[in-house]
Amino acid sequence: MSQPLEYLEASLYVGHLRGSCSYLPERDSNLKFLDGNGLGAGYRLLLDRGYRRHGQHLYRPDCGGCQQCRILRVPVATFVPTRSQKRVLKKGKTIFRFETGKPEYSPEKARLYERYLQTQHCSCEAIDADRYEDFFVSSFLSTTEELRLFAGDRLVGVGIIDIVGDALSSVYFFFDPDFADYSPGTYSILVEMDICKERGLSYYYPGFFIPDCNAMNYKANFGPAEVKAPGEEKWALHIKSCGSSVDAETSD
């Protein structure tokens, strides 16, 4: 790691959070946290080191010998949607419209998130204003935006995105389970990729790619993509075709 990045990590270090892995059964998780206050555009350097934003903090896996959580980014200029993704985009455009703006709390969004958690994660937690704002509104970046997805006048999806230098980093997306047949998760990624193109951004970061986790390995369907483990210097070109995956080393 270069000296500036080494110093940056050391100066912002908060601590480690250990527990059970949320994605891989019978594995432990060890997350390294940094304080993001005042970091601003410096986050772009840490994004390529595997850090993700969570409110006012950054975190990345620091799990010893396990390197299943891999950084994945899609070079926007070479992205080629699959036939399935084209169908999702075409179908979605018949019912959805979207807008972007400043992240804000509303009871409607909190209820939508609760419904999403109940359906997708079997959770019946109540989400109050403070908790919602901590997760979805609070940010150490001035360039965090909210993607709002509508069907008519009905809010059916909310995404949080960070614009960081030449990249768009997708933080989180939740949606109305009533519209699951329209694949709103895939549709939101395609919309965010279009936002990248419109704004002249070079890379799209959809979050961690975990090959052995079905809930996280779908991200490799968007490509060609580049992948690497946190801390690695060089990216590998990742191409997924006909159910198989191929990695080939590429320059940083």
C-alpha atoms as a PDB file:
ATOM      1  CA  MET A   1       0.000   0.000   0.000  1.00  0.00           C
ATOM      2  CA  SER A   2       1.266   3.503  -0.766  1.00  0.00           C
ATOM      3  CA  GLN A   3       2.309   5.744   2.136  1.00  0.00           C
ATOM      4  CA  PRO A   4      -0.564   8.259   1.688  1.00  0.00           C
ATOM      5  CA  LEU A   5      -3.157   5.474   1.906  1.00  0.00           C
ATOM      6  CA  GLU A   6      -1.378   3.843   4.826  1.00  0.00           C
ATOM      7  CA  TYR A   7      -1.363   7.164   6.680  1.00  0.00           C
ATOM      8  CA  LEU A   8      -4.995   7.839   5.759  1.00  0.00           C
ATOM      9  CA  GLU A   9      -6.159   4.504   7.160  1.00  0.00           C
ATOM     10  CA  ALA A  10      -4.123   4.931  10.351  1.00  0.00           C
ATOM     11  CA  SER A  11      -5.360   8.474  10.974  1.00  0.00           C
ATOM     12  CA  LEU A  12      -9.034   7.590  10.467  1.00  0.00           C
ATOM     13  CA  TYR A  13      -9.038   4.209  12.235  1.00  0.00           C
ATOM     14  CA  VAL A  14     -11.903   3.671  14.699  1.00  0.00           C
ATOM     15  CA  GLY A  15     -11.763  -0.039  15.446  1.00  0.00           C
ATOM     16  CA  HIS A  16     -12.791  -3.544  14.377  1.00  0.00           C
ATOM     17  CA  LEU A  17     -16.220  -5.128  14.693  1.00  0.00           C
ATOM     18  CA  ARG A  18     -16.179  -8.913  14.994  1.00  0.00           C
ATOM     19  CA  GLY A  19     -19.111 -11.297  14.705  1.00  0.00           C
ATOM     20  CA  SER A  20     -20.724 -13.995  12.594  1.00  0.00           C
ATOM     21  CA  CYS A  21     -20.564 -13.533   8.840  1.00  0.00           C
ATOM     22  CA  SER A  22     -23.867 -12.362   7.391  1.00  0.00           C
ATOM     23  CA  TYR A  23     -23.187 -13.989   4.019  1.00  0.00           C
ATOM     24  CA  LEU A  24     -21.269 -17.228   4.494  1.00  0.00           C
ATOM     25  CA  PRO A  25     -22.519 -19.769   7.071  1.00  0.00           C
ATOM     26  CA  GLU A  26     -20.148 -20.916   9.808  1.00  0.00           C
ATOM     27  CA  ARG A  27     -17.656 -18.144   9.070  1.00  0.00           C
ATOM     28  CA  ASP A  28     -16.688 -15.213  11.248  1.00  0.00           C
ATOM     29  CA  SER A  29     -16.639 -11.604  10.146  1.00  0.00           C
ATOM     30  CA  ASN A  30     -14.088  -8.949  11.079  1.00  0.00           C
ATOM     31  CA  LEU A  31     -14.843  -5.458   9.771  1.00  0.00           C
ATOM     32  CA  LYS A  32     -12.377  -2.594   9.948  1.00  0.00           C
ATOM     33  CA  PHE A  33     -14.017   0.802  10.523  1.00  0.00           C
ATOM     34  CA  LEU A  34     -12.748   4.299   9.739  1.00  0.00           C
ATOM     35  CA  ASP A  35     -14.214   7.700  10.630  1.00  0.00           C
ATOM     36  CA  GLY A  36     -15.287   9.442   7.436  1.00  0.00           C
ATOM     37  CA  ASN A  37     -15.803  12.938   8.855  1.00  0.00           C
ATOM     38  CA  GLY A  38     -13.858  15.439   6.776  1.00  0.00           C
ATOM     39  CA  LEU A  39     -12.679  12.780   4.309  1.00  0.00           C
ATOM     40  CA  GLY A  40     -14.683  14.024   1.325  1.00  0.00           C
ATOM     41  CA  ALA A  41     -13.110  13.220  -2.039  1.00  0.00           C
ATOM     42  CA  GLY A  42     -10.414  11.146  -0.314  1.00  0.00           C
ATOM     43  CA  TYR A  43     -12.998   8.386  -0.182  1.00  0.00           C
ATOM     44  CA  ARG A  44     -12.253   7.700  -3.849  1.00  0.00           C
ATOM     45  CA  LEU A  45      -8.825   6.296  -2.911  1.00  0.00           C
ATOM     46  CA  LEU A  46     -10.306   4.082  -0.217  1.00  0.00           C
ATOM     47  CA  LEU A  47     -13.105   2.846  -2.467  1.00  0.00           C
ATOM     48  CA  ASP A  48     -10.505   0.969  -4.509  1.00  0.00           C
ATOM     49  CA  ARG A  49      -9.134  -0.528  -1.268  1.00  0.00           C
ATOM     50  CA  GLY A  50     -12.452  -2.171  -0.538  1.00  0.00           C
ATOM     51  CA  TYR A  51     -14.015   0.402   1.759  1.00  0.00           C
ATOM     52  CA  ARG A  52     -17.743   1.020   1.688  1.00  0.00           C
ATOM     53  CA  ARG A  53     -19.641   3.895   3.285  1.00  0.00           C
ATOM     54  CA  HIS A  54     -22.043   3.314   6.181  1.00  0.00           C
ATOM     55  CA  GLY A  55     -23.465   6.612   7.369  1.00  0.00           C
ATOM     56  CA  GLN A  56     -20.577   8.693   8.698  1.00  0.00           C
ATOM     57  CA  HIS A  57     -18.160   5.754   8.682  1.00  0.00           C
ATOM     58  CA  LEU A  58     -16.322   3.502   6.231  1.00  0.00           C
ATOM     59  CA  TYR A  59     -15.728  -0.214   6.617  1.00  0.00           C
ATOM     60  CA  ARG A  60     -14.061  -3.067   4.805  1.00  0.00           C
ATOM     61  CA  PRO A  61     -13.618  -6.795   5.495  1.00  0.00           C
ATOM     62  CA  ASP A  62     -10.440  -7.661   7.388  1.00  0.00           C
ATOM     63  CA  CYS A  63     -11.083 -11.364   7.866  1.00  0.00           C
ATOM     64  CA  GLY A  64      -7.657 -12.968   7.852  1.00  0.00           C
ATOM     65  CA  GLY A  65      -7.399 -15.750   5.281  1.00  0.00           C
ATOM     66  CA  CYS A  66     -10.874 -15.239   3.797  1.00  0.00           C
ATOM     67  CA  GLN A  67     -11.006 -13.124   0.651  1.00  0.00           C
ATOM     68  CA  GLN A  68     -14.523 -13.979  -0.489  1.00  0.00           C
ATOM     69  CA  CYS A  69     -15.655 -10.338  -0.293  1.00  0.00           C
ATOM     70  CA  ARG A  70     -14.225  -8.889  -3.473  1.00  0.00           C
ATOM     71  CA  ILE A  71     -14.325  -5.358  -4.854  1.00  0.00           C
ATOM     72  CA  LEU A  72     -16.205  -5.216  -8.133  1.00  0.00           C
ATOM     73  CA  ARG A  73     -16.477  -2.273 -10.484  1.00  0.00           C
ATOM     74  CA  VAL A  74     -17.978  -1.960 -13.956  1.00  0.00           C
ATOM     75  CA  PRO A  75     -16.220   0.284 -16.501  1.00  0.00           C
ATOM     76  CA  VAL A  76     -19.217   2.159 -17.846  1.00  0.00           C
ATOM     77  CA  ALA A  77     -17.851   2.605 -21.367  1.00  0.00           C
ATOM     78  CA  THR A  78     -17.569  -1.140 -21.981  1.00  0.00           C
ATOM     79  CA  PHE A  79     -20.707  -2.318 -20.160  1.00  0.00           C
ATOM     80  CA  VAL A  80     -22.874  -4.603 -22.296  1.00  0.00           C
ATOM     81  CA  PRO A  81     -26.309  -5.509 -20.875  1.00  0.00           C
ATOM     82  CA  THR A  82     -27.431  -9.103 -21.245  1.00  0.00           C
ATOM     83  CA  ARG A  83     -30.631  -9.988 -23.071  1.00  0.00           C
ATOM     84  CA  SER A  84     -32.313 -10.532 -19.718  1.00  0.00           C
ATOM     85  CA  GLN A  85     -31.196  -7.122 -18.471  1.00  0.00           C
ATOM     86  CA  LYS A  86     -32.461  -5.492 -21.662  1.00  0.00           C
ATOM     87  CA  ARG A  87     -35.851  -7.101 -21.054  1.00  0.00           C
ATOM     88  CA  VAL A  88     -35.905  -5.823 -17.456  1.00  0.00           C
ATOM     89  CA  LEU A  89     -35.054  -2.313 -18.638  1.00  0.00           C
ATOM     90  CA  LYS A  90     -37.684  -2.354 -21.383  1.00  0.00           C
ATOM     91  CA  LYS A  91     -40.377  -3.745 -19.076  1.00  0.00           C
ATOM     92  CA  GLY A  92     -39.445  -1.360 -16.272  1.00  0.00           C
ATOM     93  CA  LYS A  93     -39.708   1.689 -18.502  1.00  0.00           C
ATOM     94  CA  THR A  94     -43.366   0.855 -19.123  1.00  0.00           C
ATOM     95  CA  ILE A  95     -44.223   1.355 -15.446  1.00  0.00           C
ATOM     96  CA  PHE A  96     -41.398   3.133 -13.593  1.00  0.00           C
ATOM     97  CA  ARG A  97     -40.111   6.661 -13.548  1.00  0.00           C
ATOM     98  CA  PHE A  98     -37.278   7.916 -11.382  1.00  0.00           C
ATOM     99  CA  GLU A  99     -35.835  11.070  -9.945  1.00  0.00           C
ATOM    100  CA  THR A 100     -32.773  11.938  -7.880  1.00  0.00           C
ATOM    101  CA  GLY A 101     -32.413  14.402  -5.049  1.00  0.00           C
ATOM    102  CA  LYS A 102     -31.111  14.983  -1.566  1.00  0.00           C
ATOM    103  CA  PRO A 103     -31.621  12.045   0.833  1.00  0.00           C
ATOM    104  CA  GLU A 104     -34.441  12.785   3.248  1.00  0.00           C
ATOM    105  CA  TYR A 105     -36.509  10.888   5.797  1.00  0.00           C
ATOM    106  CA  SER A 106     -40.235  10.457   5.390  1.00  0.00           C
ATOM    107  CA  PRO A 107     -42.683   8.081   7.111  1.00  0.00           C
ATOM    108  CA  GLU A 108     -43.560   6.721   3.650  1.00  0.00           C
ATOM    109  CA  LYS A 109     -39.938   5.681   3.025  1.00  0.00           C
ATOM    110  CA  ALA A 110     -39.626   4.123   6.476  1.00  0.00           C
ATOM    111  CA  ARG A 111     -42.775   2.049   5.918  1.00  0.00           C
ATOM    112  CA  LEU A 112     -41.493   0.968   2.514  1.00  0.00           C
ATOM    113  CA  TYR A 113     -38.192  -0.130   4.071  1.00  0.00           C
ATOM    114  CA  GLU A 114     -40.034  -2.073   6.784  1.00  0.00           C
ATOM    115  CA  ARG A 115     -42.065  -3.933   4.151  1.00  0.00           C
ATOM    116  CA  TYR A 116     -38.890  -4.695   2.221  1.00  0.00           C
ATOM    117  CA  LEU A 117     -37.205  -6.106   5.338  1.00  0.00           C
ATOM    118  CA  GLN A 118     -40.238  -8.255   6.139  1.00  0.00           C
ATOM    119  CA  THR A 119     -40.309  -9.799   2.671  1.00  0.00           C
ATOM    120  CA  GLN A 120     -36.606 -10.009   1.816  1.00  0.00           C
ATOM    121  CA  HIS A 121     -35.072 -10.638   5.236  1.00  0.00           C
ATOM    122  CA  CYS A 122     -37.959 -11.961   7.373  1.00  0.00           C
ATOM    123  CA  SER A 123     -37.461  -9.062   9.769  1.00  0.00           C
ATOM    124  CA  CYS A 124     -40.279  -7.314  11.607  1.00  0.00           C
ATOM    125  CA  GLU A 125     -38.181  -4.456  12.995  1.00  0.00           C
ATOM    126  CA  ALA A 126     -39.785  -1.038  13.301  1.00  0.00           C
ATOM    127  CA  ILE A 127     -37.741   1.736  11.692  1.00  0.00           C
ATOM    128  CA  ASP A 128     -37.993   5.102  13.449  1.00  0.00           C
ATOM    129  CA  ALA A 129     -36.805   8.426  12.047  1.00  0.00           C
ATOM    130  CA  ASP A 130     -33.464   8.404  13.883  1.00  0.00           C
ATOM    131  CA  ARG A 131     -32.510   4.939  12.681  1.00  0.00           C
ATOM    132  CA  TYR A 132     -33.572   5.700   9.106  1.00  0.00           C
ATOM    133  CA  GLU A 133     -31.583   8.921   9.033  1.00  0.00           C
ATOM    134  CA  ASP A 134     -28.476   7.265  10.507  1.00  0.00           C
ATOM    135  CA  PHE A 135     -28.460   4.649   7.749  1.00  0.00           C
ATOM    136  CA  PHE A 136     -29.866   6.402   4.670  1.00  0.00           C
ATOM    137  CA  VAL A 137     -29.535  10.157   5.189  1.00  0.00           C
ATOM    138  CA  SER A 138     -26.384  10.748   7.226  1.00  0.00           C
ATOM    139  CA  SER A 139     -23.218  10.939   5.091  1.00  0.00           C
ATOM    140  CA  PHE A 140     -19.742  12.439   5.292  1.00  0.00           C
ATOM    141  CA  LEU A 141     -20.055  13.240   1.566  1.00  0.00           C
ATOM    142  CA  SER A 142     -21.771  16.272   0.076  1.00  0.00           C
ATOM    143  CA  THR A 143     -22.374  14.242  -3.094  1.00  0.00           C
ATOM    144  CA  THR A 144     -24.650  11.550  -1.663  1.00  0.00           C
ATOM    145  CA  GLU A 145     -27.968  11.361  -3.524  1.00  0.00           C
ATOM    146  CA  GLU A 146     -31.262   9.540  -3.255  1.00  0.00           C
ATOM    147  CA  LEU A 147     -32.744   7.672  -6.207  1.00  0.00           C
ATOM    148  CA  ARG A 148     -36.524   7.541  -5.987  1.00  0.00           C
ATOM    149  CA  LEU A 149     -38.440   5.042  -8.106  1.00  0.00           C
ATOM    150  CA  PHE A 150     -42.148   5.604  -8.786  1.00  0.00           C
ATOM    151  CA  ALA A 151     -44.983   3.679 -10.389  1.00  0.00           C
ATOM    152  CA  GLY A 152     -47.375   6.488 -11.220  1.00  0.00           C
ATOM    153  CA  ASP A 153     -47.429   8.594  -8.050  1.00  0.00           C
ATOM    154  CA  ARG A 154     -46.604   5.640  -5.806  1.00  0.00           C
ATOM    155  CA  LEU A 155     -43.102   5.440  -4.329  1.00  0.00           C
ATOM    156  CA  VAL A 156     -41.910   1.878  -4.982  1.00  0.00           C
ATOM    157  CA  GLY A 157     -38.149   2.030  -4.516  1.00  0.00           C
ATOM    158  CA  VAL A 158     -35.432   4.066  -2.826  1.00  0.00           C
ATOM    159  CA  GLY A 159     -31.714   3.898  -3.490  1.00  0.00           C
ATOM    160  CA  ILE A 160     -28.768   5.719  -1.953  1.00  0.00           C
ATOM    161  CA  ILE A 161     -25.840   6.528  -4.236  1.00  0.00           C
ATOM    162  CA  ASP A 162     -22.503   8.277  -3.697  1.00  0.00           C
ATOM    163  CA  ILE A 163     -20.871  10.249  -6.486  1.00  0.00           C
ATOM    164  CA  VAL A 164     -17.129  10.026  -5.792  1.00  0.00           C
ATOM    165  CA  GLY A 165     -14.788  11.551  -8.355  1.00  0.00           C
ATOM    166  CA  ASP A 166     -15.113   9.519 -11.548  1.00  0.00           C
ATOM    167  CA  ALA A 167     -17.306   6.858  -9.948  1.00  0.00           C
ATOM    168  CA  LEU A 168     -20.803   6.137  -8.715  1.00  0.00           C
ATOM    169  CA  SER A 169     -20.976   3.868  -5.683  1.00  0.00           C
ATOM    170  CA  SER A 170     -24.322   2.220  -4.958  1.00  0.00           C
ATOM    171  CA  VAL A 171     -24.890   2.139  -1.192  1.00  0.00           C
ATOM    172  CA  TYR A 172     -28.303   0.479  -0.783  1.00  0.00           C
ATOM    173  CA  PHE A 173     -31.601  -0.063  -2.564  1.00  0.00           C
ATOM    174  CA  PHE A 174     -34.948  -1.226  -1.209  1.00  0.00           C
ATOM    175  CA  PHE A 175     -38.268  -1.661  -2.980  1.00  0.00           C
ATOM    176  CA  ASP A 176     -41.947  -2.432  -2.673  1.00  0.00           C
ATOM    177  CA  PRO A 177     -42.415  -6.242  -2.711  1.00  0.00           C
ATOM    178  CA  ASP A 178     -45.616  -5.760  -4.748  1.00  0.00           C
ATOM    179  CA  PHE A 179     -43.405  -4.891  -7.739  1.00  0.00           C
ATOM    180  CA  ALA A 180     -40.931  -7.753  -7.426  1.00  0.00           C
ATOM    181  CA  ASP A 181     -42.022  -9.195 -10.790  1.00  0.00           C
ATOM    182  CA  TYR A 182     -40.487  -6.142 -12.464  1.00  0.00           C
ATOM    183  CA  SER A 183     -37.030  -6.924 -10.989  1.00  0.00           C
ATOM    184  CA  PRO A 184     -36.648  -3.467  -9.425  1.00  0.00           C
ATOM    185  CA  GLY A 185     -33.207  -4.321  -8.032  1.00  0.00           C
ATOM    186  CA  THR A 186     -31.821  -5.063 -11.488  1.00  0.00           C
ATOM    187  CA  TYR A 187     -33.706  -2.115 -12.937  1.00  0.00           C
ATOM    188  CA  SER A 188     -32.198   0.267 -10.368  1.00  0.00           C
ATOM    189  CA  ILE A 189     -28.669  -0.891 -11.247  1.00  0.00           C
ATOM    190  CA  LEU A 190     -29.325  -0.252 -14.932  1.00  0.00           C
ATOM    191  CA  VAL A 191     -30.736   3.187 -14.111  1.00  0.00           C
ATOM    192  CA  GLU A 192     -27.687   3.990 -11.976  1.00  0.00           C
ATOM    193  CA  MET A 193     -25.443   2.876 -14.818  1.00  0.00           C
ATOM    194  CA  ASP A 194     -27.325   5.263 -17.127  1.00  0.00           C
ATOM    195  CA  ILE A 195     -26.755   8.038 -14.585  1.00  0.00           C
ATOM    196  CA  CYS A 196     -23.026   7.263 -14.804  1.00  0.00           C
ATOM    197  CA  LYS A 197     -23.142   7.689 -18.591  1.00  0.00           C
ATOM    198  CA  GLU A 198     -25.143  10.906 -18.439  1.00  0.00           C
ATOM    199  CA  ARG A 199     -22.691  12.461 -15.982  1.00  0.00           C
ATOM    200  CA  GLY A 200     -19.545  11.252 -17.719  1.00  0.00           C
ATOM    201  CA  LEU A 201     -18.476   8.933 -14.893  1.00  0.00           C
ATOM    202  CA  SER A 202     -16.054   6.106 -15.631  1.00  0.00           C
ATOM    203  CA  TYR A 203     -16.919   3.412 -13.078  1.00  0.00           C
ATOM    204  CA  TYR A 204     -19.917   1.897 -11.341  1.00  0.00           C
ATOM    205  CA  TYR A 205     -19.410   0.195  -7.955  1.00  0.00           C
ATOM    206  CA  PRO A 206     -22.386  -2.014  -7.008  1.00  0.00           C
ATOM    207  CA  GLY A 207     -20.914  -3.252  -3.715  1.00  0.00           C
ATOM    208  CA  PHE A 208     -19.131  -6.412  -2.674  1.00  0.00           C
ATOM    209  CA  PHE A 209     -19.123  -9.418  -4.972  1.00  0.00           C
ATOM    210  CA  ILE A 210     -19.091 -12.700  -3.009  1.00  0.00           C
ATOM    211  CA  PRO A 211     -18.761 -15.691  -5.380  1.00  0.00           C
ATOM    212  CA  ASP A 212     -20.078 -18.286  -2.906  1.00  0.00           C
ATOM    213  CA  CYS A 213     -23.088 -16.250  -1.757  1.00  0.00           C
ATOM    214  CA  ASN A 214     -26.174 -16.279  -3.986  1.00  0.00           C
ATOM    215  CA  ALA A 215     -27.397 -13.007  -2.489  1.00  0.00           C
ATOM    216  CA  MET A 216     -24.186 -11.244  -3.550  1.00  0.00           C
ATOM    217  CA  ASN A 217     -22.811 -13.020  -6.626  1.00  0.00           C
ATOM    218  CA  TYR A 218     -25.479 -11.656  -9.013  1.00  0.00           C
ATOM    219  CA  LYS A 219     -23.381  -8.473  -9.323  1.00  0.00           C
ATOM    220  CA  ALA A 220     -20.999 -10.289 -11.654  1.00  0.00           C
ATOM    221  CA  ASN A 221     -23.864 -10.480 -14.172  1.00  0.00           C
ATOM    222  CA  PHE A 222     -23.162  -6.821 -14.956  1.00  0.00           C
ATOM    223  CA  GLY A 223     -20.067  -6.581 -17.046  1.00  0.00           C
ATOM    224  CA  PRO A 224     -17.511  -6.981 -18.253  1.00  0.00           C
ATOM    225  CA  ALA A 225     -16.401  -6.080 -14.729  1.00  0.00           C
ATOM    226  CA  GLU A 226     -13.125  -5.736 -12.871  1.00  0.00           C
ATOM    227  CA  VAL A 227     -12.515  -7.443  -9.544  1.00  0.00           C
ATOM    228  CA  LYS A 228      -9.878  -7.671  -6.842  1.00  0.00           C
ATOM    229  CA  ALA A 229      -9.628  -8.512  -3.153  1.00  0.00           C
ATOM    230  CA  PRO A 230      -9.336  -5.657  -0.627  1.00  0.00           C
ATOM    231  CA  GLY A 231      -5.699  -4.594  -0.407  1.00  0.00           C
ATOM    232  CA  GLU A 232      -4.703  -6.002  -3.802  1.00  0.00           C
ATOM    233  CA  GLU A 233      -3.125  -3.614  -6.284  1.00  0.00           C
ATOM    234  CA  LYS A 234      -4.162  -5.032  -9.672  1.00  0.00           C
ATOM    235  CA  TRP A 235      -7.636  -5.553 -11.059  1.00  0.00           C
ATOM    236  CA  ALA A 236      -8.649  -8.719 -12.885  1.00  0.00           C
ATOM    237  CA  LEU A 237     -11.103  -8.634 -15.774  1.00  0.00           C
ATOM    238  CA  HIS A 238     -14.143 -10.722 -14.823  1.00  0.00           C
ATOM    239  CA  ILE A 239     -16.346 -12.050 -17.609  1.00  0.00           C
ATOM    240  CA  LYS A 240     -19.402 -14.184 -16.879  1.00  0.00           C
ATOM    241  CA  SER A 241     -20.911 -16.158 -19.748  1.00  0.00           C
ATOM    242  CA  CYS A 242     -23.223 -19.178 -19.928  1.00  0.00           C
ATOM    243  CA  GLY A 243     -22.985 -19.792 -16.188  1.00  0.00           C
ATOM    244  CA  SER A 244     -19.183 -19.750 -16.022  1.00  0.00           C
ATOM    245  CA  SER A 245     -16.778 -17.050 -14.886  1.00  0.00           C
ATOM    246  CA  VAL A 246     -13.343 -16.113 -16.163  1.00  0.00           C
ATOM    247  CA  ASP A 247     -10.780 -13.799 -14.540  1.00  0.00           C
ATOM    248  CA  ALA A 248      -7.861 -12.322 -16.437  1.00  0.00           C
ATOM    249  CA  GLU A 249      -5.327  -9.906 -14.987  1.00  0.00           C
ATOM    250  CA  THR A 250      -5.517  -6.311 -16.148  1.00  0.00           C
ATOM    251  CA  SER A 251      -3.726  -3.111 -15.238  1.00  0.00           C
ATOM    252  CA  ASP A 252      -4.895  -0.798 -12.478  1.00  0.00           C
END
